[in-house]
Amino acid sequence: MTATSTIDEIVRLRRSTSTGFPLSGVIDSVLQPVSNLPGTALVRQLTGNQDVGQTIQSALDEEPADLYVTTDPHAGADHAVWPGDSTFSAAAGAQIPLGIQLTADGSQEVFAWDQDDVSADDLLRSVTISEDEQGGGSLSKLAHSEEERSYYYVQYHVD
């Protein structure tokens, strides 16, 4: 039996880290040369170096995810079933209507990605939609990535 699933929307609950590199390593490398300085000298050293503040701030700023969705585990907007051959800028708290229909022959895995210009695209997580959910009304699943520290709800129904 084949069912049709419709992904109604994705809700971005929490942003991903969006750094493209491990933030703790950046902070450690910045602080290592000044860790033995007395308090006043430490403050003067850190505040006198604009690059330090800007690097840490840009890593922590909430940048929107450049979101796209695939039905296979391969990264790349060229594999996207939504939003086409581009991405969708999604800030934390965004409710993003999709309205895409997919065939759930047994089950269908759906992958959410954040396009990254600095490194490989980040897999935000996947959810599995099953034809056994047919007739279950409006359903939602949490897509959580421990690595990216992101949370998304995928809302869908199966007919």
N, C-alpha and C. Protein backbone atom coordinates (compact mmCIF):
# COMPACT_ATOMS: atom_id res chain seq x y z
N MET A 1 0.85 -1.18 0.00
CA MET A 1 0.00 0.00 0.00
C MET A 1 0.89 1.24 0.00
N THR A 2 0.54 2.20 -0.80
CA THR A 2 1.30 3.45 -0.88
C THR A 2 0.42 4.58 -0.38
N ALA A 3 1.00 5.42 0.46
CA ALA A 3 0.28 6.57 1.01
C ALA A 3 0.97 7.85 0.56
N THR A 4 0.24 8.94 0.62
CA THR A 4 0.80 10.25 0.31
C THR A 4 0.91 11.05 1.59
N SER A 5 2.12 11.50 1.88
CA SER A 5 2.31 12.34 3.06
C SER A 5 2.47 13.79 2.61
N THR A 6 1.93 14.69 3.39
CA THR A 6 2.07 16.12 3.13
C THR A 6 2.76 16.74 4.33
N ILE A 7 3.90 17.35 4.08
CA ILE A 7 4.59 18.08 5.14
C ILE A 7 4.00 19.48 5.14
N ASP A 8 3.24 19.78 6.19
CA ASP A 8 2.52 21.04 6.26
C ASP A 8 3.44 22.20 6.62
N GLU A 9 4.27 22.01 7.66
CA GLU A 9 5.17 23.08 8.05
C GLU A 9 6.30 22.53 8.90
N ILE A 10 7.34 23.33 8.98
CA ILE A 10 8.45 23.09 9.90
C ILE A 10 8.50 24.30 10.83
N VAL A 11 8.62 24.03 12.12
CA VAL A 11 8.72 25.10 13.11
C VAL A 11 10.13 25.04 13.69
N ARG A 12 10.85 26.12 13.54
CA ARG A 12 12.22 26.18 14.07
C ARG A 12 12.14 26.70 15.50
N LEU A 13 12.35 25.80 16.46
CA LEU A 13 12.25 26.17 17.87
C LEU A 13 13.51 26.83 18.39
N ARG A 14 14.64 26.34 17.97
CA ARG A 14 15.91 26.87 18.48
C ARG A 14 16.92 26.84 17.35
N ARG A 15 17.72 27.85 17.30
CA ARG A 15 18.72 27.96 16.24
C ARG A 15 19.79 26.89 16.38
N SER A 16 20.48 26.65 15.29
CA SER A 16 21.65 25.78 15.35
C SER A 16 22.85 26.65 15.70
N THR A 17 23.99 26.01 15.95
CA THR A 17 25.17 26.77 16.36
C THR A 17 25.66 27.69 15.26
N SER A 18 25.50 27.33 14.00
CA SER A 18 25.81 28.15 12.84
C SER A 18 27.24 28.63 12.77
N THR A 19 28.15 28.01 13.50
CA THR A 19 29.52 28.49 13.46
C THR A 19 30.33 27.84 12.36
N GLY A 20 30.04 26.59 12.02
CA GLY A 20 30.83 25.90 11.02
C GLY A 20 32.17 25.44 11.57
N PHE A 21 32.43 25.70 12.85
CA PHE A 21 33.66 25.27 13.51
C PHE A 21 33.39 25.19 15.00
N PRO A 22 34.19 24.42 15.76
CA PRO A 22 33.93 24.28 17.20
C PRO A 22 34.29 25.57 17.94
N LEU A 23 33.29 26.18 18.55
CA LEU A 23 33.47 27.44 19.25
C LEU A 23 34.43 27.32 20.42
N SER A 24 34.38 26.21 21.14
CA SER A 24 35.26 26.06 22.30
C SER A 24 36.73 26.11 21.88
N GLY A 25 37.06 25.56 20.73
CA GLY A 25 38.43 25.62 20.23
C GLY A 25 38.87 27.03 19.93
N VAL A 26 37.96 27.84 19.39
CA VAL A 26 38.27 29.24 19.10
C VAL A 26 38.53 29.99 20.41
N ILE A 27 37.66 29.81 21.38
CA ILE A 27 37.81 30.51 22.66
C ILE A 27 39.11 30.07 23.34
N ASP A 28 39.40 28.78 23.34
CA ASP A 28 40.64 28.29 23.96
C ASP A 28 41.86 28.88 23.28
N SER A 29 41.87 28.92 21.96
CA SER A 29 43.04 29.44 21.25
C SER A 29 43.20 30.94 21.46
N VAL A 30 42.11 31.65 21.64
CA VAL A 30 42.17 33.09 21.88
C VAL A 30 42.68 33.37 23.29
N LEU A 31 42.21 32.60 24.26
CA LEU A 31 42.55 32.87 25.65
C LEU A 31 43.88 32.28 26.08
N GLN A 32 44.37 31.27 25.40
CA GLN A 32 45.61 30.60 25.80
C GLN A 32 46.78 31.57 25.97
N PRO A 33 47.05 32.49 25.02
CA PRO A 33 48.22 33.36 25.18
C PRO A 33 48.10 34.36 26.33
N VAL A 34 46.89 34.61 26.82
CA VAL A 34 46.71 35.64 27.86
C VAL A 34 46.25 35.06 29.19
N SER A 35 46.15 33.74 29.30
CA SER A 35 45.57 33.14 30.49
C SER A 35 46.39 33.38 31.75
N ASN A 36 47.69 33.65 31.64
CA ASN A 36 48.53 33.85 32.81
C ASN A 36 48.73 35.32 33.17
N LEU A 37 48.12 36.22 32.44
CA LEU A 37 48.27 37.65 32.73
C LEU A 37 47.45 38.03 33.96
N PRO A 38 47.92 39.02 34.75
CA PRO A 38 47.10 39.52 35.86
C PRO A 38 45.82 40.14 35.32
N GLY A 39 44.78 40.25 36.17
CA GLY A 39 43.45 40.71 35.76
C GLY A 39 43.42 41.93 34.87
N THR A 40 44.07 43.02 35.27
CA THR A 40 44.03 44.26 34.50
C THR A 40 44.66 44.07 33.13
N ALA A 41 45.80 43.40 33.08
CA ALA A 41 46.48 43.17 31.81
C ALA A 41 45.64 42.27 30.91
N LEU A 42 44.96 41.29 31.50
CA LEU A 42 44.10 40.39 30.73
C LEU A 42 42.97 41.17 30.07
N VAL A 43 42.29 42.01 30.85
CA VAL A 43 41.19 42.82 30.31
C VAL A 43 41.70 43.72 29.19
N ARG A 44 42.86 44.39 29.43
CA ARG A 44 43.43 45.29 28.43
C ARG A 44 43.78 44.51 27.16
N GLN A 45 44.35 43.32 27.32
CA GLN A 45 44.73 42.50 26.16
C GLN A 45 43.50 42.10 25.33
N LEU A 46 42.43 41.65 26.01
CA LEU A 46 41.22 41.20 25.30
C LEU A 46 40.45 42.35 24.68
N THR A 47 40.27 43.43 25.42
CA THR A 47 39.48 44.53 24.89
C THR A 47 40.24 45.33 23.86
N GLY A 48 41.56 45.23 23.86
CA GLY A 48 42.35 45.94 22.86
C GLY A 48 42.44 45.19 21.54
N ASN A 49 41.92 44.00 21.47
CA ASN A 49 41.98 43.20 20.26
C ASN A 49 40.55 43.02 19.71
N GLN A 50 40.19 43.85 18.73
CA GLN A 50 38.82 43.81 18.20
C GLN A 50 38.50 42.47 17.54
N ASP A 51 39.51 41.83 16.94
CA ASP A 51 39.25 40.55 16.27
C ASP A 51 38.72 39.50 17.23
N VAL A 52 39.20 39.50 18.47
CA VAL A 52 38.74 38.54 19.47
C VAL A 52 37.25 38.71 19.71
N GLY A 53 36.85 39.91 20.03
CA GLY A 53 35.44 40.19 20.30
C GLY A 53 34.55 39.88 19.11
N GLN A 54 35.01 40.28 17.93
CA GLN A 54 34.20 40.05 16.73
C GLN A 54 34.09 38.56 16.41
N THR A 55 35.16 37.80 16.61
CA THR A 55 35.12 36.37 16.33
C THR A 55 34.14 35.67 17.26
N ILE A 56 34.25 35.97 18.55
CA ILE A 56 33.35 35.34 19.52
C ILE A 56 31.91 35.79 19.28
N GLN A 57 31.69 37.08 19.05
CA GLN A 57 30.34 37.58 18.84
C GLN A 57 29.70 37.00 17.59
N SER A 58 30.45 36.93 16.49
CA SER A 58 29.86 36.39 15.26
C SER A 58 29.54 34.91 15.41
N ALA A 59 30.33 34.20 16.22
CA ALA A 59 30.04 32.78 16.46
C ALA A 59 28.79 32.60 17.30
N LEU A 60 28.50 33.56 18.17
CA LEU A 60 27.35 33.44 19.06
C LEU A 60 26.08 34.08 18.51
N ASP A 61 26.22 35.00 17.56
CA ASP A 61 25.04 35.68 17.01
C ASP A 61 24.06 34.67 16.44
N GLU A 62 22.80 35.00 16.58
CA GLU A 62 21.78 34.13 16.02
C GLU A 62 21.59 34.47 14.56
N GLU A 63 22.16 33.65 13.73
CA GLU A 63 21.99 33.80 12.30
C GLU A 63 20.90 32.85 11.86
N PRO A 64 20.09 33.26 10.90
CA PRO A 64 19.05 32.34 10.43
C PRO A 64 19.69 31.15 9.71
N ALA A 65 19.01 30.02 9.78
CA ALA A 65 19.45 28.83 9.05
C ALA A 65 19.07 29.00 7.59
N ASP A 66 19.93 28.57 6.71
CA ASP A 66 19.62 28.51 5.28
C ASP A 66 19.09 27.12 5.02
N LEU A 67 17.79 26.96 5.28
CA LEU A 67 17.13 25.67 5.37
C LEU A 67 16.76 25.10 4.00
N TYR A 68 16.95 23.80 3.86
CA TYR A 68 16.39 23.05 2.73
C TYR A 68 16.10 21.63 3.20
N VAL A 69 15.25 20.91 2.46
CA VAL A 69 14.78 19.59 2.84
C VAL A 69 15.07 18.61 1.70
N THR A 70 15.59 17.42 2.08
CA THR A 70 15.81 16.35 1.11
C THR A 70 15.10 15.08 1.58
N THR A 71 14.98 14.13 0.66
CA THR A 71 14.43 12.82 1.04
C THR A 71 15.50 11.75 0.96
N ASP A 72 16.73 12.16 0.80
CA ASP A 72 17.85 11.23 0.86
C ASP A 72 18.93 11.83 1.75
N PRO A 73 19.85 11.01 2.24
CA PRO A 73 20.83 11.50 3.21
C PRO A 73 21.99 12.30 2.61
N HIS A 74 21.85 12.74 1.37
CA HIS A 74 22.92 13.48 0.73
C HIS A 74 22.69 14.97 0.86
N ALA A 75 23.72 15.65 1.36
CA ALA A 75 23.64 17.10 1.49
C ALA A 75 23.72 17.75 0.12
N GLY A 76 23.21 18.95 0.06
CA GLY A 76 23.28 19.74 -1.17
C GLY A 76 21.91 20.19 -1.60
N ALA A 77 21.78 21.49 -1.78
CA ALA A 77 20.50 22.06 -2.19
C ALA A 77 20.05 21.49 -3.53
N ASP A 78 20.99 20.94 -4.31
CA ASP A 78 20.61 20.34 -5.59
C ASP A 78 19.83 19.03 -5.40
N HIS A 79 19.80 18.49 -4.18
CA HIS A 79 19.01 17.30 -3.85
C HIS A 79 17.67 17.68 -3.20
N ALA A 80 17.40 18.95 -3.04
CA ALA A 80 16.26 19.42 -2.25
C ALA A 80 14.91 19.10 -2.91
N VAL A 81 13.96 18.69 -2.07
CA VAL A 81 12.57 18.59 -2.50
C VAL A 81 11.83 19.86 -2.10
N TRP A 82 12.47 20.68 -1.29
CA TRP A 82 11.95 21.99 -0.88
C TRP A 82 13.11 22.85 -0.46
N PRO A 83 13.18 24.10 -0.76
CA PRO A 83 12.25 24.94 -1.50
C PRO A 83 12.52 24.98 -3.00
N GLY A 84 13.22 24.04 -3.52
CA GLY A 84 13.61 24.03 -4.93
C GLY A 84 15.12 23.98 -4.97
N ASP A 85 15.73 24.76 -5.85
CA ASP A 85 17.18 24.73 -5.96
C ASP A 85 17.84 25.90 -5.20
N SER A 86 17.16 26.35 -4.14
CA SER A 86 17.71 27.41 -3.30
C SER A 86 17.52 27.00 -1.84
N THR A 87 17.60 27.96 -0.93
CA THR A 87 17.36 27.70 0.49
C THR A 87 16.34 28.71 1.01
N PHE A 88 15.86 28.48 2.23
CA PHE A 88 14.89 29.36 2.87
C PHE A 88 15.52 29.86 4.17
N SER A 89 15.59 31.16 4.35
CA SER A 89 16.17 31.74 5.55
C SER A 89 15.17 31.64 6.70
N ALA A 90 15.54 30.87 7.75
CA ALA A 90 14.63 30.58 8.85
C ALA A 90 15.24 30.98 10.19
N ALA A 91 14.67 31.98 10.82
CA ALA A 91 15.13 32.42 12.14
C ALA A 91 14.47 31.56 13.22
N ALA A 92 15.02 31.61 14.43
CA ALA A 92 14.42 30.88 15.55
C ALA A 92 12.99 31.36 15.75
N GLY A 93 12.08 30.42 15.99
CA GLY A 93 10.68 30.74 16.19
C GLY A 93 9.87 30.78 14.91
N ALA A 94 10.52 30.63 13.77
CA ALA A 94 9.82 30.71 12.48
C ALA A 94 8.91 29.51 12.26
N GLN A 95 7.71 29.76 11.76
CA GLN A 95 6.79 28.72 11.31
C GLN A 95 6.82 28.78 9.79
N ILE A 96 7.34 27.73 9.18
CA ILE A 96 7.62 27.74 7.75
C ILE A 96 6.66 26.80 7.04
N PRO A 97 5.70 27.35 6.29
CA PRO A 97 4.77 26.48 5.56
C PRO A 97 5.48 25.82 4.38
N LEU A 98 5.33 24.50 4.25
CA LEU A 98 5.96 23.78 3.15
C LEU A 98 4.93 23.31 2.13
N GLY A 99 3.95 22.52 2.57
CA GLY A 99 2.92 22.03 1.67
C GLY A 99 3.44 21.08 0.60
N ILE A 100 4.53 20.37 0.88
CA ILE A 100 5.06 19.44 -0.11
C ILE A 100 4.48 18.04 0.10
N GLN A 101 4.21 17.36 -1.00
CA GLN A 101 3.65 16.01 -0.94
C GLN A 101 4.72 15.01 -1.35
N LEU A 102 4.79 13.93 -0.57
CA LEU A 102 5.76 12.86 -0.82
C LEU A 102 5.05 11.52 -0.76
N THR A 103 5.58 10.56 -1.49
CA THR A 103 5.04 9.20 -1.44
C THR A 103 5.69 8.48 -0.27
N ALA A 104 4.85 7.88 0.58
CA ALA A 104 5.36 7.09 1.69
C ALA A 104 5.04 5.63 1.38
N ASP A 105 5.93 4.98 0.66
CA ASP A 105 5.77 3.57 0.34
C ASP A 105 6.48 2.78 1.43
N GLY A 106 5.73 2.41 2.46
CA GLY A 106 6.33 1.83 3.66
C GLY A 106 6.68 2.96 4.61
N SER A 107 7.79 3.62 4.31
CA SER A 107 8.18 4.80 5.09
C SER A 107 9.04 5.71 4.23
N GLN A 108 9.12 6.94 4.65
CA GLN A 108 9.92 7.94 3.93
C GLN A 108 10.67 8.78 4.96
N GLU A 109 11.98 8.84 4.84
CA GLU A 109 12.76 9.68 5.73
C GLU A 109 12.90 11.06 5.09
N VAL A 110 12.77 12.09 5.92
CA VAL A 110 12.85 13.47 5.48
C VAL A 110 13.98 14.15 6.27
N PHE A 111 14.93 14.76 5.55
CA PHE A 111 16.11 15.35 6.16
C PHE A 111 16.05 16.88 6.07
N ALA A 112 16.32 17.56 7.18
CA ALA A 112 16.41 19.02 7.19
C ALA A 112 17.89 19.41 7.27
N TRP A 113 18.29 20.36 6.44
CA TRP A 113 19.69 20.78 6.33
C TRP A 113 19.82 22.29 6.50
N ASP A 114 20.98 22.71 6.95
CA ASP A 114 21.37 24.13 6.99
C ASP A 114 22.55 24.27 6.04
N GLN A 115 22.35 25.02 4.96
CA GLN A 115 23.44 25.21 4.00
C GLN A 115 24.55 26.03 4.66
N ASP A 116 25.77 25.61 4.48
CA ASP A 116 26.91 26.25 5.14
C ASP A 116 27.95 26.62 4.09
N ASP A 117 28.31 27.89 4.03
CA ASP A 117 29.30 28.34 3.06
C ASP A 117 30.73 28.06 3.50
N VAL A 118 30.94 27.89 4.81
CA VAL A 118 32.28 27.71 5.37
C VAL A 118 32.74 26.25 5.31
N SER A 119 31.82 25.33 5.57
CA SER A 119 32.15 23.90 5.60
C SER A 119 30.99 23.13 4.98
N ALA A 120 31.00 21.82 5.17
CA ALA A 120 29.92 20.99 4.64
C ALA A 120 28.58 21.40 5.27
N ASP A 121 27.50 21.23 4.52
CA ASP A 121 26.17 21.55 5.04
C ASP A 121 25.89 20.76 6.31
N ASP A 122 25.15 21.36 7.22
CA ASP A 122 24.86 20.75 8.51
C ASP A 122 23.53 20.01 8.47
N LEU A 123 23.56 18.72 8.80
CA LEU A 123 22.33 17.95 8.94
C LEU A 123 21.68 18.35 10.25
N LEU A 124 20.50 18.95 10.18
CA LEU A 124 19.80 19.38 11.38
C LEU A 124 19.07 18.22 12.02
N ARG A 125 18.67 17.27 11.24
CA ARG A 125 18.07 16.02 11.72
C ARG A 125 17.12 15.50 10.65
N SER A 126 16.64 14.29 10.89
CA SER A 126 15.65 13.70 9.99
C SER A 126 14.51 13.14 10.82
N VAL A 127 13.38 12.98 10.17
CA VAL A 127 12.23 12.31 10.76
C VAL A 127 11.75 11.27 9.76
N THR A 128 11.12 10.22 10.26
CA THR A 128 10.59 9.18 9.40
C THR A 128 9.08 9.24 9.41
N ILE A 129 8.51 9.31 8.22
CA ILE A 129 7.07 9.31 8.04
C ILE A 129 6.68 7.93 7.52
N SER A 130 5.70 7.31 8.17
CA SER A 130 5.32 5.95 7.82
C SER A 130 3.90 5.91 7.24
N GLU A 131 3.69 5.01 6.27
CA GLU A 131 2.34 4.86 5.73
C GLU A 131 1.38 4.32 6.79
N ASP A 132 1.92 3.72 7.86
CA ASP A 132 1.08 3.26 8.97
C ASP A 132 0.41 4.41 9.70
N GLU A 133 0.88 5.63 9.48
CA GLU A 133 0.30 6.82 10.12
C GLU A 133 -0.88 7.37 9.32
N GLN A 134 -1.21 6.70 8.22
CA GLN A 134 -2.30 7.13 7.35
C GLN A 134 -3.60 7.24 8.13
N GLY A 135 -4.30 8.37 7.95
CA GLY A 135 -5.57 8.60 8.63
C GLY A 135 -5.42 9.07 10.07
N GLY A 136 -4.21 9.31 10.51
CA GLY A 136 -3.95 9.73 11.90
C GLY A 136 -4.13 11.21 12.14
N GLY A 137 -4.58 11.95 11.13
CA GLY A 137 -4.77 13.40 11.29
C GLY A 137 -3.44 14.15 11.26
N SER A 138 -3.45 15.34 11.84
CA SER A 138 -2.25 16.17 11.88
C SER A 138 -1.27 15.59 12.91
N LEU A 139 -0.06 15.33 12.47
CA LEU A 139 0.97 14.74 13.32
C LEU A 139 2.19 15.66 13.36
N SER A 140 3.00 15.52 14.39
CA SER A 140 4.25 16.27 14.44
C SER A 140 5.32 15.42 15.11
N LYS A 141 6.53 15.63 14.67
CA LYS A 141 7.69 14.95 15.23
C LYS A 141 8.78 15.98 15.49
N LEU A 142 9.50 15.77 16.58
CA LEU A 142 10.61 16.64 16.93
C LEU A 142 11.87 16.16 16.22
N ALA A 143 12.51 17.06 15.53
CA ALA A 143 13.81 16.79 14.91
C ALA A 143 14.84 17.56 15.71
N HIS A 144 15.67 16.84 16.46
CA HIS A 144 16.64 17.46 17.36
C HIS A 144 18.04 16.99 17.00
N SER A 145 18.94 17.93 16.86
CA SER A 145 20.34 17.60 16.61
C SER A 145 21.17 18.02 17.82
N GLU A 146 21.74 17.03 18.49
CA GLU A 146 22.61 17.32 19.63
C GLU A 146 23.85 18.08 19.17
N GLU A 147 24.40 17.65 18.04
CA GLU A 147 25.62 18.28 17.52
C GLU A 147 25.39 19.74 17.16
N GLU A 148 24.29 20.03 16.46
CA GLU A 148 24.00 21.39 16.03
C GLU A 148 23.22 22.19 17.08
N ARG A 149 22.75 21.49 18.12
CA ARG A 149 21.95 22.10 19.18
C ARG A 149 20.72 22.82 18.61
N SER A 150 20.08 22.14 17.67
CA SER A 150 18.90 22.72 17.03
C SER A 150 17.67 21.86 17.30
N TYR A 151 16.51 22.51 17.28
CA TYR A 151 15.24 21.83 17.50
C TYR A 151 14.24 22.31 16.45
N TYR A 152 13.62 21.36 15.78
CA TYR A 152 12.60 21.65 14.76
C TYR A 152 11.42 20.71 14.99
N TYR A 153 10.22 21.22 14.78
CA TYR A 153 9.05 20.36 14.72
C TYR A 153 8.65 20.24 13.26
N VAL A 154 8.44 19.01 12.82
CA VAL A 154 7.95 18.77 11.46
C VAL A 154 6.49 18.36 11.61
N GLN A 155 5.58 19.15 11.04
CA GLN A 155 4.15 18.86 11.12
C GLN A 155 3.68 18.36 9.77
N TYR A 156 2.92 17.24 9.80
CA TYR A 156 2.53 16.59 8.56
C TYR A 156 1.27 15.77 8.75
N HIS A 157 0.73 15.26 7.67
CA HIS A 157 -0.36 14.31 7.71
C HIS A 157 -0.17 13.30 6.57
N VAL A 158 -0.75 12.12 6.76
CA VAL A 158 -0.61 11.04 5.78
C VAL A 158 -1.99 10.61 5.32
N ASP A 159 -2.22 10.70 4.01
CA ASP A 159 -3.50 10.30 3.40
C ASP A 159 -3.35 9.02 2.62
